[in-house]
N, C-alpha and C. Protein backbone atom coordinates (compact mmCIF):
# COMPACT_ATOMS: atom_id res chain seq x y z
N MET A 1 157.12 -151.29 67.08
CA MET A 1 158.02 -151.69 65.90
C MET A 1 159.02 -150.51 65.60
N SER A 2 160.29 -150.90 65.16
CA SER A 2 161.08 -149.51 65.20
C SER A 2 160.89 -149.30 63.42
N ARG A 3 161.13 -148.45 62.99
CA ARG A 3 161.02 -147.72 61.70
C ARG A 3 162.02 -148.64 60.64
N LYS A 4 163.05 -148.91 61.21
CA LYS A 4 164.06 -149.39 60.30
C LYS A 4 163.51 -150.91 60.05
N SER A 5 162.80 -151.72 60.93
CA SER A 5 162.54 -152.92 60.50
C SER A 5 161.14 -152.92 59.69
N ARG A 6 160.26 -151.75 60.07
CA ARG A 6 159.28 -151.76 59.16
C ARG A 6 159.39 -151.45 57.37
N VAL A 7 160.43 -150.63 57.38
CA VAL A 7 161.06 -150.49 56.14
C VAL A 7 161.81 -151.41 55.67
N GLY A 8 162.31 -152.25 56.50
CA GLY A 8 163.26 -153.22 55.95
C GLY A 8 162.28 -154.39 55.22
N SER A 9 161.23 -154.65 56.21
CA SER A 9 160.40 -155.44 55.68
C SER A 9 159.37 -155.23 54.60
N PHE A 10 158.87 -153.97 54.31
CA PHE A 10 158.42 -153.48 53.27
C PHE A 10 159.28 -153.48 52.13
N ALA A 11 160.68 -153.41 52.06
CA ALA A 11 161.65 -153.33 50.91
C ALA A 11 161.84 -154.89 50.70
N VAL A 12 162.17 -155.53 51.52
CA VAL A 12 162.43 -157.03 51.51
C VAL A 12 161.00 -157.53 50.58
N ALA A 13 159.90 -157.62 51.13
CA ALA A 13 158.77 -158.11 50.40
C ALA A 13 158.37 -157.44 49.01
N GLY A 14 158.58 -156.22 48.65
CA GLY A 14 158.41 -155.74 47.50
C GLY A 14 159.80 -155.26 46.75
N ALA A 15 160.81 -155.59 46.95
CA ALA A 15 162.21 -155.27 46.42
C ALA A 15 162.06 -155.62 44.86
N VAL A 16 161.67 -157.03 44.38
CA VAL A 16 161.76 -157.49 43.17
C VAL A 16 159.98 -158.23 43.19
N ILE A 17 159.41 -157.26 42.63
CA ILE A 17 157.91 -157.94 42.49
C ILE A 17 157.99 -158.94 41.20
N GLY A 18 158.31 -158.38 40.38
CA GLY A 18 158.14 -159.36 38.92
C GLY A 18 159.29 -158.63 37.83
N ALA A 19 159.60 -159.87 37.22
CA ALA A 19 160.48 -159.44 35.81
C ALA A 19 160.20 -160.13 34.95
N LEU A 20 160.39 -159.75 33.85
CA LEU A 20 160.16 -160.71 32.71
C LEU A 20 161.38 -160.49 31.28
N LEU A 21 161.55 -161.12 30.77
CA LEU A 21 162.54 -160.98 29.22
C LEU A 21 161.46 -160.45 28.47
N VAL A 22 161.41 -159.06 28.34
CA VAL A 22 160.29 -158.84 27.10
C VAL A 22 161.29 -157.89 26.09
N PRO A 23 160.62 -158.11 25.04
CA PRO A 23 161.30 -156.84 24.11
C PRO A 23 161.42 -155.45 24.58
N ALA A 24 162.60 -154.96 24.22
CA ALA A 24 162.40 -153.61 24.99
C ALA A 24 161.98 -152.52 23.61
N SER A 25 160.63 -152.18 23.69
CA SER A 25 160.00 -151.41 22.68
C SER A 25 160.97 -149.88 22.59
N SER A 26 161.38 -149.52 23.64
CA SER A 26 161.62 -148.04 23.85
C SER A 26 163.13 -147.90 23.69
N ALA A 27 163.58 -149.14 23.09
CA ALA A 27 165.10 -148.86 22.79
C ALA A 27 165.38 -148.33 21.71
N VAL A 28 166.62 -147.83 21.55
CA VAL A 28 167.32 -147.10 20.23
C VAL A 28 167.11 -147.79 19.15
N SER A 29 166.78 -147.08 18.10
CA SER A 29 166.46 -147.82 16.58
C SER A 29 167.77 -148.31 16.18
N ALA A 30 168.97 -147.95 16.75
CA ALA A 30 170.16 -148.70 16.44
C ALA A 30 171.08 -148.98 17.73
N PRO A 31 170.89 -149.71 18.30
CA PRO A 31 171.60 -149.90 19.61
C PRO A 31 173.01 -150.53 19.35
N THR A 32 174.08 -149.94 20.25
CA THR A 32 175.22 -150.35 20.31
C THR A 32 175.41 -151.03 21.63
N ALA A 33 176.50 -151.93 21.55
CA ALA A 33 176.75 -152.57 22.63
C ALA A 33 177.77 -151.77 23.65
N HIS A 34 177.88 -151.63 24.68
CA HIS A 34 178.87 -151.00 25.36
C HIS A 34 179.70 -151.95 26.35
N LYS A 35 179.29 -152.63 27.15
CA LYS A 35 179.87 -153.81 27.91
C LYS A 35 179.51 -155.19 27.19
N SER A 36 180.44 -155.71 26.55
CA SER A 36 180.14 -156.79 25.42
C SER A 36 180.75 -158.04 26.17
N GLY A 37 180.36 -159.17 25.90
CA GLY A 37 180.87 -160.38 25.56
C GLY A 37 180.87 -160.93 23.83
N ALA A 38 181.11 -162.12 23.81
CA ALA A 38 181.13 -162.78 22.45
C ALA A 38 179.60 -163.01 21.89
N ILE A 39 178.62 -163.00 22.90
CA ILE A 39 177.33 -163.53 22.58
C ILE A 39 176.30 -162.54 23.01
N ILE A 40 176.33 -162.08 24.42
CA ILE A 40 175.71 -161.17 24.72
C ILE A 40 176.15 -160.04 24.92
N ASN A 41 175.55 -158.86 25.08
CA ASN A 41 175.84 -157.37 25.16
C ASN A 41 174.87 -156.36 25.67
N TYR A 42 175.29 -155.49 27.04
CA TYR A 42 174.34 -154.79 27.73
C TYR A 42 174.40 -153.52 26.54
N LEU A 43 173.06 -153.01 26.43
CA LEU A 43 172.76 -151.96 25.24
C LEU A 43 173.03 -150.41 26.03
N THR A 44 173.39 -150.46 27.18
CA THR A 44 173.90 -149.30 28.16
C THR A 44 174.50 -149.57 29.28
N THR A 45 175.61 -148.96 29.80
CA THR A 45 176.06 -149.20 31.12
C THR A 45 175.96 -147.88 32.14
N GLY A 46 175.15 -146.89 31.50
CA GLY A 46 174.94 -145.66 32.29
C GLY A 46 174.06 -146.23 33.40
N LYS A 47 173.79 -144.95 34.00
CA LYS A 47 172.61 -144.99 35.44
C LYS A 47 171.35 -145.35 34.96
N ILE A 48 170.60 -146.08 35.68
CA ILE A 48 169.24 -146.36 35.58
C ILE A 48 168.34 -145.28 36.01
N GLN A 49 167.26 -144.98 35.26
CA GLN A 49 166.53 -144.01 36.00
C GLN A 49 165.57 -144.80 37.01
N ILE A 50 165.34 -143.99 37.97
CA ILE A 50 164.75 -144.74 39.32
C ILE A 50 163.02 -144.23 38.86
N ALA A 51 162.40 -145.48 38.79
CA ALA A 51 160.92 -145.46 38.24
C ALA A 51 160.08 -146.70 38.87
N LYS A 52 158.98 -146.77 38.23
CA LYS A 52 158.05 -147.98 38.86
C LYS A 52 158.54 -149.14 38.06
N LYS A 53 159.09 -148.99 36.84
CA LYS A 53 159.71 -150.07 36.22
C LYS A 53 161.12 -149.87 35.89
N MET A 54 162.11 -150.43 36.42
CA MET A 54 163.33 -150.16 35.91
C MET A 54 163.88 -151.36 35.14
N THR A 55 164.31 -151.14 34.05
CA THR A 55 164.96 -152.13 33.06
C THR A 55 166.45 -151.88 32.95
N VAL A 56 167.08 -153.40 32.57
CA VAL A 56 168.27 -153.30 32.22
C VAL A 56 168.39 -154.17 30.76
N PRO A 57 168.72 -153.24 29.62
CA PRO A 57 168.48 -153.49 28.59
C PRO A 57 169.87 -154.35 27.88
N PHE A 58 169.57 -155.20 27.19
CA PHE A 58 170.80 -155.95 26.39
C PHE A 58 170.14 -156.80 25.33
N GLN A 59 171.20 -157.46 24.51
CA GLN A 59 170.82 -157.73 22.98
C GLN A 59 172.01 -159.16 22.95
N CYS A 60 171.51 -159.97 22.27
CA CYS A 60 172.29 -161.12 21.88
C CYS A 60 172.38 -160.97 20.50
N ALA A 61 174.02 -161.46 20.15
CA ALA A 61 174.59 -161.16 18.80
C ALA A 61 173.93 -162.36 17.89
N VAL A 62 173.78 -163.52 18.46
CA VAL A 62 173.38 -164.50 17.76
C VAL A 62 172.01 -165.33 18.88
N ASN A 63 171.28 -166.16 18.04
CA ASN A 63 170.16 -166.75 18.81
C ASN A 63 170.66 -167.58 19.96
N CYS A 64 170.18 -167.04 21.47
CA CYS A 64 170.52 -167.54 22.46
C CYS A 64 169.37 -168.01 23.71
N ASN A 65 170.06 -168.75 24.68
CA ASN A 65 169.24 -168.87 25.77
C ASN A 65 169.81 -168.06 26.79
N VAL A 66 168.97 -167.22 27.58
CA VAL A 66 169.59 -166.32 28.45
C VAL A 66 168.96 -166.62 30.05
N VAL A 67 169.76 -166.43 30.84
CA VAL A 67 169.53 -166.36 32.20
C VAL A 67 170.05 -165.31 32.83
N SER A 68 169.00 -164.61 33.37
CA SER A 68 169.65 -163.00 33.82
C SER A 68 169.15 -162.88 35.41
N THR A 69 169.92 -162.48 36.20
CA THR A 69 169.73 -162.10 37.51
C THR A 69 170.10 -160.64 37.68
N LEU A 70 168.98 -160.25 38.74
CA LEU A 70 168.88 -158.78 39.06
C LEU A 70 168.86 -158.65 40.77
N LYS A 71 169.85 -157.77 41.11
CA LYS A 71 169.70 -157.62 42.51
C LYS A 71 169.69 -156.42 42.86
N ILE A 72 168.97 -155.76 43.81
CA ILE A 72 169.09 -154.29 44.40
C ILE A 72 169.92 -154.65 45.62
N LYS A 73 170.76 -153.54 45.76
CA LYS A 73 171.64 -153.61 47.02
C LYS A 73 171.80 -152.26 47.70
N GLY A 74 171.66 -152.11 48.69
CA GLY A 74 171.64 -150.91 49.46
C GLY A 74 170.96 -151.32 51.04
N PRO A 75 171.22 -150.01 51.64
CA PRO A 75 170.70 -150.33 53.12
C PRO A 75 169.06 -150.71 53.20
N PHE A 76 169.10 -151.51 54.26
CA PHE A 76 167.27 -152.25 54.19
C PHE A 76 166.83 -153.18 53.08
N VAL A 77 167.74 -153.30 52.03
CA VAL A 77 167.29 -154.23 50.97
C VAL A 77 167.88 -155.32 50.71
N LYS A 78 167.45 -156.42 50.45
CA LYS A 78 167.88 -157.90 50.17
C LYS A 78 166.92 -158.33 49.12
N GLY A 79 167.29 -158.52 47.90
CA GLY A 79 166.03 -158.80 46.80
C GLY A 79 166.98 -159.08 45.76
N ALA A 80 166.63 -160.58 45.07
CA ALA A 80 167.13 -160.79 43.77
C ALA A 80 165.97 -161.34 42.89
N ASP A 81 166.17 -161.41 41.59
CA ASP A 81 165.27 -162.13 40.61
C ASP A 81 165.86 -162.78 39.56
N THR A 82 165.52 -164.01 39.15
CA THR A 82 166.21 -164.60 38.41
C THR A 82 165.15 -165.00 37.03
N GLU A 83 165.49 -164.70 35.74
CA GLU A 83 164.38 -165.16 34.57
C GLU A 83 165.36 -165.56 33.19
N SER A 84 164.70 -166.52 32.82
CA SER A 84 165.40 -167.01 31.78
C SER A 84 164.42 -167.13 30.54
N GLY A 85 164.89 -167.50 29.41
CA GLY A 85 164.11 -167.42 28.01
C GLY A 85 165.34 -167.46 26.90
N SER A 86 164.79 -167.38 25.78
CA SER A 86 165.41 -167.53 24.35
C SER A 86 165.35 -166.14 23.57
N LEU A 87 166.46 -165.63 23.30
CA LEU A 87 166.06 -164.37 22.40
C LEU A 87 166.78 -164.87 20.91
N PRO A 88 166.15 -163.94 20.21
CA PRO A 88 166.51 -163.99 18.69
C PRO A 88 167.79 -163.12 18.50
N ALA A 89 168.74 -163.54 17.63
CA ALA A 89 169.54 -162.49 17.22
C ALA A 89 169.42 -161.00 16.96
N GLY A 90 170.12 -159.99 17.78
CA GLY A 90 170.00 -158.72 17.25
C GLY A 90 168.50 -158.24 17.84
N VAL A 91 167.75 -158.43 18.40
CA VAL A 91 166.57 -158.30 19.02
C VAL A 91 166.89 -157.73 20.59
N PRO A 92 166.63 -156.27 20.82
CA PRO A 92 166.85 -155.67 22.16
C PRO A 92 165.75 -156.43 23.18
N ALA A 93 166.15 -156.72 24.39
CA ALA A 93 165.63 -157.13 25.58
C ALA A 93 166.01 -156.52 26.69
N GLY A 94 165.03 -157.02 27.91
CA GLY A 94 165.25 -156.39 29.17
C GLY A 94 164.94 -157.17 30.19
N HIS A 95 165.57 -157.14 31.25
CA HIS A 95 164.98 -157.52 32.18
C HIS A 95 164.77 -156.42 33.32
N PHE A 96 163.41 -156.31 33.64
CA PHE A 96 162.98 -155.33 34.46
C PHE A 96 162.77 -155.85 35.95
N ILE A 97 162.53 -154.62 36.93
CA ILE A 97 161.95 -155.18 38.24
C ILE A 97 161.12 -153.98 38.42
N LYS A 98 160.22 -154.11 39.60
CA LYS A 98 159.15 -153.30 39.70
C LYS A 98 159.21 -153.12 41.43
N PRO A 99 159.84 -151.90 41.73
CA PRO A 99 160.09 -151.72 43.32
C PRO A 99 158.99 -151.39 43.96
N SER A 100 158.68 -151.81 45.38
CA SER A 100 157.18 -151.01 45.85
C SER A 100 156.96 -149.84 46.40
N GLY A 101 156.12 -149.34 46.66
CA GLY A 101 156.09 -148.06 46.88
C GLY A 101 157.29 -147.52 47.90
N PRO A 102 157.11 -148.29 49.17
CA PRO A 102 158.19 -147.85 50.34
C PRO A 102 159.41 -147.75 49.82
N LEU A 103 159.78 -148.68 48.94
CA LEU A 103 161.36 -148.84 48.56
C LEU A 103 161.33 -147.86 47.40
N LEU A 104 160.53 -147.63 46.59
CA LEU A 104 160.78 -146.51 45.62
C LEU A 104 160.92 -145.19 46.37
N LYS A 105 160.34 -144.99 47.37
CA LYS A 105 160.65 -143.77 47.95
C LYS A 105 162.06 -143.67 48.37
N LEU A 106 162.72 -144.85 49.21
CA LEU A 106 163.81 -144.94 49.58
C LEU A 106 164.98 -144.55 48.52
N LEU A 107 164.53 -145.36 47.39
CA LEU A 107 165.44 -145.37 46.28
C LEU A 107 165.67 -143.58 45.85
N LYS A 108 164.32 -142.97 45.57
CA LYS A 108 164.29 -141.51 45.10
C LYS A 108 164.87 -140.47 46.30
N ALA A 109 164.83 -141.16 47.88
CA ALA A 109 165.34 -140.23 48.61
C ALA A 109 166.85 -140.23 48.42
N SER A 110 167.61 -141.11 48.29
CA SER A 110 168.82 -141.37 48.27
C SER A 110 169.51 -142.29 47.40
N PRO A 111 169.37 -141.91 46.20
CA PRO A 111 169.71 -142.88 45.05
C PRO A 111 171.16 -143.39 44.94
N GLY A 112 172.32 -142.63 45.56
CA GLY A 112 173.50 -142.94 45.72
C GLY A 112 174.08 -143.99 46.55
N ARG A 113 173.23 -144.54 47.73
CA ARG A 113 172.82 -145.33 48.40
C ARG A 113 172.69 -147.00 47.86
N TYR A 114 171.97 -146.67 46.62
CA TYR A 114 171.70 -148.21 46.09
C TYR A 114 172.18 -148.27 45.01
N LYS A 115 172.05 -149.47 44.21
CA LYS A 115 172.49 -150.11 42.90
C LYS A 115 172.03 -151.35 42.55
N VAL A 116 171.74 -151.49 41.28
CA VAL A 116 171.45 -152.43 40.54
C VAL A 116 172.31 -153.40 39.95
N ILE A 117 172.46 -154.77 40.35
CA ILE A 117 173.43 -155.63 40.08
C ILE A 117 172.88 -156.54 39.24
N SER A 118 173.56 -156.60 37.83
CA SER A 118 172.86 -157.43 36.69
C SER A 118 174.13 -158.53 36.56
N HIS A 119 173.58 -160.08 36.53
CA HIS A 119 174.38 -161.14 35.92
C HIS A 119 173.79 -161.79 34.88
N ILE A 120 174.25 -161.77 33.78
CA ILE A 120 173.76 -162.34 32.58
C ILE A 120 174.65 -163.56 31.79
N THR A 121 173.78 -164.66 31.71
CA THR A 121 174.70 -165.88 31.10
C THR A 121 173.62 -166.22 30.01
N ALA A 122 174.52 -166.32 28.83
CA ALA A 122 174.04 -166.52 27.54
C ALA A 122 174.38 -167.89 26.83
N THR A 123 173.89 -168.73 26.36
CA THR A 123 174.28 -169.74 25.72
C THR A 123 173.80 -169.89 24.31
N ASP A 124 174.88 -170.23 23.64
CA ASP A 124 174.40 -170.32 22.06
C ASP A 124 173.90 -172.01 21.64
N PRO A 125 172.60 -172.09 21.36
CA PRO A 125 172.21 -173.25 21.33
C PRO A 125 172.94 -174.08 20.23
N ALA A 126 173.38 -173.75 19.18
CA ALA A 126 173.80 -174.25 17.93
C ALA A 126 175.14 -174.75 18.27
N THR A 127 176.15 -174.04 19.02
CA THR A 127 177.57 -174.14 19.48
C THR A 127 177.89 -174.92 20.63
N GLY A 128 176.83 -174.69 21.58
CA GLY A 128 176.97 -174.36 23.25
C GLY A 128 177.96 -173.73 23.56
N ALA A 129 178.13 -172.74 22.93
CA ALA A 129 179.22 -171.71 23.72
C ALA A 129 178.52 -171.02 24.66
N THR A 130 179.06 -170.67 25.81
CA THR A 130 178.59 -169.64 27.04
C THR A 130 179.33 -168.68 26.98
N ASP A 131 178.65 -167.42 27.33
CA ASP A 131 179.08 -165.91 27.66
C ASP A 131 178.59 -165.47 28.96
N GLN A 132 179.59 -165.15 29.73
CA GLN A 132 178.76 -164.14 31.06
C GLN A 132 179.16 -162.79 31.21
N ILE A 133 178.25 -161.99 31.28
CA ILE A 133 178.69 -160.59 31.64
C ILE A 133 178.10 -160.07 33.12
N ALA A 134 178.66 -159.07 33.49
CA ALA A 134 177.97 -158.83 34.76
C ALA A 134 178.37 -157.12 34.81
N HIS A 135 177.42 -156.44 35.51
CA HIS A 135 177.48 -154.88 35.83
C HIS A 135 176.86 -154.64 36.77
N SER A 136 177.43 -153.40 37.55
CA SER A 136 176.69 -152.75 38.95
C SER A 136 176.16 -151.46 38.18
N PHE A 137 174.97 -151.01 38.19
CA PHE A 137 174.22 -150.10 37.47
C PHE A 137 173.94 -149.16 38.69
N LYS A 138 174.41 -147.83 38.59
CA LYS A 138 174.10 -146.74 39.51
C LYS A 138 172.56 -146.35 39.44
N LEU A 139 172.12 -145.68 40.33
CA LEU A 139 171.04 -145.09 39.91
C LEU A 139 170.61 -143.62 40.11
N LYS A 140 169.68 -142.87 39.14
CA LYS A 140 169.49 -141.61 39.07
C LYS A 140 168.17 -141.39 39.31
N ARG A 141 167.81 -140.00 39.81
CA ARG A 141 166.33 -139.63 39.95
C ARG A 141 165.99 -139.40 38.60
């Protein structure tokens, strides 16, 4: 078995283990939107720290229903995760992924070769208005 296929199979199997829409307790006390839509906003568009748990933080301006998709793109990696849920207005939340051990080593060895792509669709249940935002996050050690 070649090294590439072994690393690739580990990366595919563990690329996106689990993700949840959870309140981001480590968010800044007064978050400001950087890349925004009318309903949903990213709290940061900077680089994401490579860690056992990588989070993409966002926030709704009004009560909304959210569908979030995260993808890790790079050599030997194909993986995506989709989560949905309801968020109250003004509460920071985040979609997170937990890369497996071999994938984490690949990410740390060459962070410039990988990126996390986020697509978020938010719907205001009161008005039915829909807002979509997307961003490609680079990684840092």
